[in-house]
Amino acid sequence: MTWTDGNKVEQLHLRYLNPVERIADRGAQSFDLPLPSSAKEATIILTTRCGPNDVMDWSCWAMPEFK
């Protein structure tokens, strides 16, 4: 998860899920993190990527909330 206000880019969160080897990575995952303040409009970029194999290789972002 990357945040940018056009002047700077900040990585807010990075998590690699490995549901094949870590049972805790199976199912829905959640997290909370503070968002940087900005004097102008900012953008959050949510990115998912493929894992190293196709065994249980799935991920998605669903219903992100920003408060």
PDB file of N, CA and C in Angstrom:
ATOM      1  N   MET A   1       0.850  -1.154   0.000  1.00  0.00           N
ATOM      2  CA  MET A   1       0.000   0.000   0.000  1.00  0.00           C
ATOM      3  C   MET A   1       0.905   1.228   0.000  1.00  0.00           C
ATOM      4  N   THR A   2       0.698   2.086  -0.972  1.00  0.00           N
ATOM      5  CA  THR A   2       1.526   3.264  -1.154  1.00  0.00           C
ATOM      6  C   THR A   2       0.660   4.516  -1.077  1.00  0.00           C
ATOM      7  N   TRP A   3       1.173   5.534  -0.448  1.00  0.00           N
ATOM      8  CA  TRP A   3       0.507   6.824  -0.304  1.00  0.00           C
ATOM      9  C   TRP A   3       1.341   7.872  -1.021  1.00  0.00           C
ATOM     10  N   THR A   4       0.673   8.793  -1.726  1.00  0.00           N
ATOM     11  CA  THR A   4       1.404   9.894  -2.352  1.00  0.00           C
ATOM     12  C   THR A   4       0.540  11.146  -2.368  1.00  0.00           C
ATOM     13  N   ASP A   5       1.185  12.291  -2.212  1.00  0.00           N
ATOM     14  CA  ASP A   5       0.488  13.566  -2.346  1.00  0.00           C
ATOM     15  C   ASP A   5       1.026  14.360  -3.532  1.00  0.00           C
ATOM     16  N   GLY A   6       1.800  13.689  -4.396  1.00  0.00           N
ATOM     17  CA  GLY A   6       2.373  14.345  -5.560  1.00  0.00           C
ATOM     18  C   GLY A   6       3.781  14.866  -5.304  1.00  0.00           C
ATOM     19  N   ASN A   7       4.107  15.148  -4.056  1.00  0.00           N
ATOM     20  CA  ASN A   7       5.451  15.613  -3.711  1.00  0.00           C
ATOM     21  C   ASN A   7       6.314  14.485  -3.184  1.00  0.00           C
ATOM     22  N   LYS A   8       5.712  13.575  -2.454  1.00  0.00           N
ATOM     23  CA  LYS A   8       6.458  12.449  -1.902  1.00  0.00           C
ATOM     24  C   LYS A   8       5.625  11.186  -2.000  1.00  0.00           C
ATOM     25  N   VAL A   9       6.311  10.059  -1.976  1.00  0.00           N
ATOM     26  CA  VAL A   9       5.676   8.743  -2.016  1.00  0.00           C
ATOM     27  C   VAL A   9       6.132   7.994  -0.772  1.00  0.00           C
ATOM     28  N   GLU A  10       5.193   7.386  -0.080  1.00  0.00           N
ATOM     29  CA  GLU A  10       5.521   6.666   1.152  1.00  0.00           C
ATOM     30  C   GLU A  10       4.860   5.290   1.135  1.00  0.00           C
ATOM     31  N   GLN A  11       5.635   4.256   1.356  1.00  0.00           N
ATOM     32  CA  GLN A  11       5.059   2.917   1.482  1.00  0.00           C
ATOM     33  C   GLN A  11       4.477   2.793   2.881  1.00  0.00           C
ATOM     34  N   LEU A  12       3.184   2.545   2.966  1.00  0.00           N
ATOM     35  CA  LEU A  12       2.505   2.468   4.252  1.00  0.00           C
ATOM     36  C   LEU A  12       2.474   1.054   4.816  1.00  0.00           C
ATOM     37  N   HIS A  13       2.367   0.071   3.929  1.00  0.00           N
ATOM     38  CA  HIS A  13       2.174  -1.298   4.399  1.00  0.00           C
ATOM     39  C   HIS A  13       2.634  -2.267   3.315  1.00  0.00           C
ATOM     40  N   LEU A  14       3.290  -3.331   3.740  1.00  0.00           N
ATOM     41  CA  LEU A  14       3.688  -4.397   2.827  1.00  0.00           C
ATOM     42  C   LEU A  14       3.516  -5.708   3.569  1.00  0.00           C
ATOM     43  N   ARG A  15       2.799  -6.622   2.983  1.00  0.00           N
ATOM     44  CA  ARG A  15       2.579  -7.915   3.617  1.00  0.00           C
ATOM     45  C   ARG A  15       2.519  -8.977   2.539  1.00  0.00           C
ATOM     46  N   TYR A  16       3.364 -10.005   2.664  1.00  0.00           N
ATOM     47  CA  TYR A  16       3.340 -11.128   1.747  1.00  0.00           C
ATOM     48  C   TYR A  16       2.599 -12.268   2.435  1.00  0.00           C
ATOM     49  N   LEU A  17       1.504 -12.706   1.837  1.00  0.00           N
ATOM     50  CA  LEU A  17       0.737 -13.832   2.386  1.00  0.00           C
ATOM     51  C   LEU A  17       1.231 -15.125   1.781  1.00  0.00           C
ATOM     52  N   ASN A  18       1.355 -16.144   2.605  1.00  0.00           N
ATOM     53  CA  ASN A  18       1.793 -17.460   2.152  1.00  0.00           C
ATOM     54  C   ASN A  18       0.828 -18.508   2.718  1.00  0.00           C
ATOM     55  N   PRO A  19      -0.377 -18.618   2.128  1.00  0.00           N
ATOM     56  CA  PRO A  19      -1.388 -19.513   2.680  1.00  0.00           C
ATOM     57  C   PRO A  19      -1.029 -20.996   2.590  1.00  0.00           C
ATOM     58  N   VAL A  20      -0.105 -21.361   1.717  1.00  0.00           N
ATOM     59  CA  VAL A  20       0.291 -22.763   1.605  1.00  0.00           C
ATOM     60  C   VAL A  20       1.058 -23.196   2.861  1.00  0.00           C
ATOM     61  N   GLU A  21       1.986 -22.372   3.302  1.00  0.00           N
ATOM     62  CA  GLU A  21       2.847 -22.751   4.418  1.00  0.00           C
ATOM     63  C   GLU A  21       2.415 -22.173   5.764  1.00  0.00           C
ATOM     64  N   ARG A  22       1.632 -21.086   5.763  1.00  0.00           N
ATOM     65  CA  ARG A  22       1.198 -20.474   7.021  1.00  0.00           C
ATOM     66  C   ARG A  22      -0.321 -20.507   7.113  1.00  0.00           C
ATOM     67  N   ILE A  23      -0.840 -21.356   7.963  1.00  0.00           N
ATOM     68  CA  ILE A  23      -2.291 -21.494   8.110  1.00  0.00           C
ATOM     69  C   ILE A  23      -2.934 -20.166   8.491  1.00  0.00           C
ATOM     70  N   ALA A  24      -2.256 -19.353   9.295  1.00  0.00           N
ATOM     71  CA  ALA A  24      -2.807 -18.061   9.713  1.00  0.00           C
ATOM     72  C   ALA A  24      -3.028 -17.109   8.541  1.00  0.00           C
ATOM     73  N   ASP A  25      -2.374 -17.349   7.412  1.00  0.00           N
ATOM     74  CA  ASP A  25      -2.548 -16.505   6.232  1.00  0.00           C
ATOM     75  C   ASP A  25      -3.757 -16.892   5.397  1.00  0.00           C
ATOM     76  N   ARG A  26      -4.437 -17.945   5.764  1.00  0.00           N
ATOM     77  CA  ARG A  26      -5.634 -18.371   5.028  1.00  0.00           C
ATOM     78  C   ARG A  26      -6.837 -17.589   5.543  1.00  0.00           C
ATOM     79  N   GLY A  27      -7.748 -17.282   4.655  1.00  0.00           N
ATOM     80  CA  GLY A  27      -8.938 -16.550   5.057  1.00  0.00           C
ATOM     81  C   GLY A  27      -8.709 -15.049   5.036  1.00  0.00           C
ATOM     82  N   ALA A  28      -9.709 -14.324   5.506  1.00  0.00           N
ATOM     83  CA  ALA A  28      -9.654 -12.858   5.479  1.00  0.00           C
ATOM     84  C   ALA A  28      -8.598 -12.328   6.442  1.00  0.00           C
ATOM     85  N   GLN A  29      -7.891 -11.315   6.011  1.00  0.00           N
ATOM     86  CA  GLN A  29      -6.873 -10.639   6.814  1.00  0.00           C
ATOM     87  C   GLN A  29      -7.306  -9.187   6.978  1.00  0.00           C
ATOM     88  N   SER A  30      -7.001  -8.607   8.118  1.00  0.00           N
ATOM     89  CA  SER A  30      -7.320  -7.191   8.306  1.00  0.00           C
ATOM     90  C   SER A  30      -6.166  -6.501   9.011  1.00  0.00           C
ATOM     91  N   PHE A  31      -6.113  -5.196   8.875  1.00  0.00           N
ATOM     92  CA  PHE A  31      -5.092  -4.402   9.555  1.00  0.00           C
ATOM     93  C   PHE A  31      -5.574  -2.960   9.643  1.00  0.00           C
ATOM     94  N   ASP A  32      -5.051  -2.236  10.590  1.00  0.00           N
ATOM     95  CA  ASP A  32      -5.302  -0.808  10.751  1.00  0.00           C
ATOM     96  C   ASP A  32      -3.957  -0.096  10.702  1.00  0.00           C
ATOM     97  N   LEU A  33      -3.930   1.043  10.061  1.00  0.00           N
ATOM     98  CA  LEU A  33      -2.718   1.837  10.086  1.00  0.00           C
ATOM     99  C   LEU A  33      -3.077   3.299   9.907  1.00  0.00           C
ATOM    100  N   PRO A  34      -2.298   4.189  10.526  1.00  0.00           N
ATOM    101  CA  PRO A  34      -2.575   5.616  10.385  1.00  0.00           C
ATOM    102  C   PRO A  34      -2.168   6.114   8.993  1.00  0.00           C
ATOM    103  N   LEU A  35      -2.944   7.044   8.489  1.00  0.00           N
ATOM    104  CA  LEU A  35      -2.631   7.655   7.196  1.00  0.00           C
ATOM    105  C   LEU A  35      -1.921   8.982   7.436  1.00  0.00           C
ATOM    106  N   PRO A  36      -0.899   9.291   6.651  1.00  0.00           N
ATOM    107  CA  PRO A  36      -0.201  10.568   6.800  1.00  0.00           C
ATOM    108  C   PRO A  36      -1.134  11.741   6.498  1.00  0.00           C
ATOM    109  N   SER A  37      -0.936  12.847   7.184  1.00  0.00           N
ATOM    110  CA  SER A  37      -1.720  14.038   6.879  1.00  0.00           C
ATOM    111  C   SER A  37      -1.097  14.733   5.664  1.00  0.00           C
ATOM    112  N   SER A  38      -1.924  15.488   4.985  1.00  0.00           N
ATOM    113  CA  SER A  38      -1.448  16.174   3.786  1.00  0.00           C
ATOM    114  C   SER A  38      -2.198  17.484   3.640  1.00  0.00           C
ATOM    115  N   ALA A  39      -1.493  18.519   3.187  1.00  0.00           N
ATOM    116  CA  ALA A  39      -2.115  19.818   2.964  1.00  0.00           C
ATOM    117  C   ALA A  39      -2.918  19.841   1.662  1.00  0.00           C
ATOM    118  N   LYS A  40      -2.705  18.835   0.814  1.00  0.00           N
ATOM    119  CA  LYS A  40      -3.463  18.773  -0.439  1.00  0.00           C
ATOM    120  C   LYS A  40      -3.957  17.350  -0.650  1.00  0.00           C
ATOM    121  N   GLU A  41      -4.686  17.156  -1.737  1.00  0.00           N
ATOM    122  CA  GLU A  41      -5.269  15.841  -2.013  1.00  0.00           C
ATOM    123  C   GLU A  41      -4.185  14.776  -2.142  1.00  0.00           C
ATOM    124  N   ALA A  42      -4.440  13.635  -1.517  1.00  0.00           N
ATOM    125  CA  ALA A  42      -3.484  12.524  -1.560  1.00  0.00           C
ATOM    126  C   ALA A  42      -4.157  11.306  -2.183  1.00  0.00           C
ATOM    127  N   THR A  43      -3.348  10.341  -2.587  1.00  0.00           N
ATOM    128  CA  THR A  43      -3.834   9.117  -3.221  1.00  0.00           C
ATOM    129  C   THR A  43      -3.248   7.915  -2.507  1.00  0.00           C
ATOM    130  N   ILE A  44      -4.067   6.887  -2.324  1.00  0.00           N
ATOM    131  CA  ILE A  44      -3.597   5.608  -1.793  1.00  0.00           C
ATOM    132  C   ILE A  44      -3.689   4.593  -2.924  1.00  0.00           C
ATOM    133  N   ILE A  45      -2.603   3.862  -3.158  1.00  0.00           N
ATOM    134  CA  ILE A  45      -2.554   2.861  -4.218  1.00  0.00           C
ATOM    135  C   ILE A  45      -2.491   1.483  -3.571  1.00  0.00           C
ATOM    136  N   LEU A  46      -3.503   0.663  -3.825  1.00  0.00           N
ATOM    137  CA  LEU A  46      -3.574  -0.708  -3.319  1.00  0.00           C
ATOM    138  C   LEU A  46      -3.126  -1.631  -4.437  1.00  0.00           C
ATOM    139  N   THR A  47      -2.130  -2.473  -4.178  1.00  0.00           N
ATOM    140  CA  THR A  47      -1.568  -3.331  -5.208  1.00  0.00           C
ATOM    141  C   THR A  47      -1.548  -4.779  -4.740  1.00  0.00           C
ATOM    142  N   THR A  48      -1.954  -5.694  -5.597  1.00  0.00           N
ATOM    143  CA  THR A  48      -1.790  -7.122  -5.329  1.00  0.00           C
ATOM    144  C   THR A  48      -0.947  -7.718  -6.440  1.00  0.00           C
ATOM    145  N   ARG A  49      -0.170  -8.712  -6.090  1.00  0.00           N
ATOM    146  CA  ARG A  49       0.678  -9.377  -7.076  1.00  0.00           C
ATOM    147  C   ARG A  49       0.560 -10.881  -6.928  1.00  0.00           C
ATOM    148  N   CYS A  50       0.913 -11.592  -7.975  1.00  0.00           N
ATOM    149  CA  CYS A  50       0.900 -13.053  -7.953  1.00  0.00           C
ATOM    150  C   CYS A  50       1.977 -13.572  -7.011  1.00  0.00           C
ATOM    151  N   GLY A  51       1.712 -14.726  -6.428  1.00  0.00           N
ATOM    152  CA  GLY A  51       2.711 -15.392  -5.607  1.00  0.00           C
ATOM    153  C   GLY A  51       3.670 -16.197  -6.462  1.00  0.00           C
ATOM    154  N   PRO A  52       4.605 -16.915  -5.814  1.00  0.00           N
ATOM    155  CA  PRO A  52       5.615 -17.663  -6.565  1.00  0.00           C
ATOM    156  C   PRO A  52       5.075 -18.929  -7.232  1.00  0.00           C
ATOM    157  N   ASN A  53       3.882 -19.374  -6.865  1.00  0.00           N
ATOM    158  CA  ASN A  53       3.281 -20.540  -7.509  1.00  0.00           C
ATOM    159  C   ASN A  53       1.777 -20.345  -7.542  1.00  0.00           C
ATOM    160  N   ASP A  54       1.047 -21.292  -8.135  1.00  0.00           N
ATOM    161  CA  ASP A  54      -0.400 -21.122  -8.236  1.00  0.00           C
ATOM    162  C   ASP A  54      -1.178 -21.960  -7.217  1.00  0.00           C
ATOM    163  N   VAL A  55      -0.510 -22.485  -6.201  1.00  0.00           N
ATOM    164  CA  VAL A  55      -1.182 -23.239  -5.143  1.00  0.00           C
ATOM    165  C   VAL A  55      -1.788 -22.243  -4.166  1.00  0.00           C
ATOM    166  N   MET A  56      -3.098 -22.182  -4.094  1.00  0.00           N
ATOM    167  CA  MET A  56      -3.813 -21.246  -3.227  1.00  0.00           C
ATOM    168  C   MET A  56      -3.360 -19.814  -3.486  1.00  0.00           C
ATOM    169  N   ASP A  57      -3.013 -19.495  -4.702  1.00  0.00           N
ATOM    170  CA  ASP A  57      -2.502 -18.170  -5.043  1.00  0.00           C
ATOM    171  C   ASP A  57      -3.666 -17.266  -5.425  1.00  0.00           C
ATOM    172  N   TRP A  58      -4.186 -16.576  -4.440  1.00  0.00           N
ATOM    173  CA  TRP A  58      -5.292 -15.669  -4.672  1.00  0.00           C
ATOM    174  C   TRP A  58      -5.176 -14.525  -3.685  1.00  0.00           C
ATOM    175  N   SER A  59      -5.605 -13.400  -4.078  1.00  0.00           N
ATOM    176  CA  SER A  59      -5.676 -12.257  -3.168  1.00  0.00           C
ATOM    177  C   SER A  59      -6.548 -11.193  -3.807  1.00  0.00           C
ATOM    178  N   CYS A  60      -7.091 -10.341  -2.975  1.00  0.00           N
ATOM    179  CA  CYS A  60      -7.882  -9.219  -3.466  1.00  0.00           C
ATOM    180  C   CYS A  60      -8.052  -8.215  -2.338  1.00  0.00           C
ATOM    181  N   TRP A  61      -8.386  -7.000  -2.698  1.00  0.00           N
ATOM    182  CA  TRP A  61      -8.763  -5.987  -1.720  1.00  0.00           C
ATOM    183  C   TRP A  61     -10.282  -5.881  -1.800  1.00  0.00           C
ATOM    184  N   ALA A  62     -10.942  -5.935  -0.676  1.00  0.00           N
ATOM    185  CA  ALA A  62     -12.395  -5.825  -0.667  1.00  0.00           C
ATOM    186  C   ALA A  62     -12.830  -4.787   0.360  1.00  0.00           C
ATOM    187  N   MET A  63     -13.659  -3.888  -0.019  1.00  0.00           N
ATOM    188  CA  MET A  63     -14.259  -2.879   0.839  1.00  0.00           C
ATOM    189  C   MET A  63     -13.251  -2.122   1.709  1.00  0.00           C
ATOM    190  N   PRO A  64     -12.224  -1.497   1.122  1.00  0.00           N
ATOM    191  CA  PRO A  64     -11.327  -0.694   1.961  1.00  0.00           C
ATOM    192  C   PRO A  64     -12.072   0.490   2.553  1.00  0.00           C
ATOM    193  N   GLU A  65     -11.780   0.817   3.795  1.00  0.00           N
ATOM    194  CA  GLU A  65     -12.403   1.951   4.484  1.00  0.00           C
ATOM    195  C   GLU A  65     -11.337   2.944   4.886  1.00  0.00           C
ATOM    196  N   PHE A  66     -11.560   4.210   4.623  1.00  0.00           N
ATOM    197  CA  PHE A  66     -10.638   5.260   5.021  1.00  0.00           C
ATOM    198  C   PHE A  66     -11.397   6.238   5.907  1.00  0.00           C
ATOM    199  N   LYS A  67     -10.927   6.389   7.120  1.00  0.00           N
ATOM    200  CA  LYS A  67     -11.638   7.255   8.086  1.00  0.00           C
ATOM    201  C   LYS A  67     -10.730   8.358   8.573  1.00  0.00           C
TER     202      LYS A  67
END
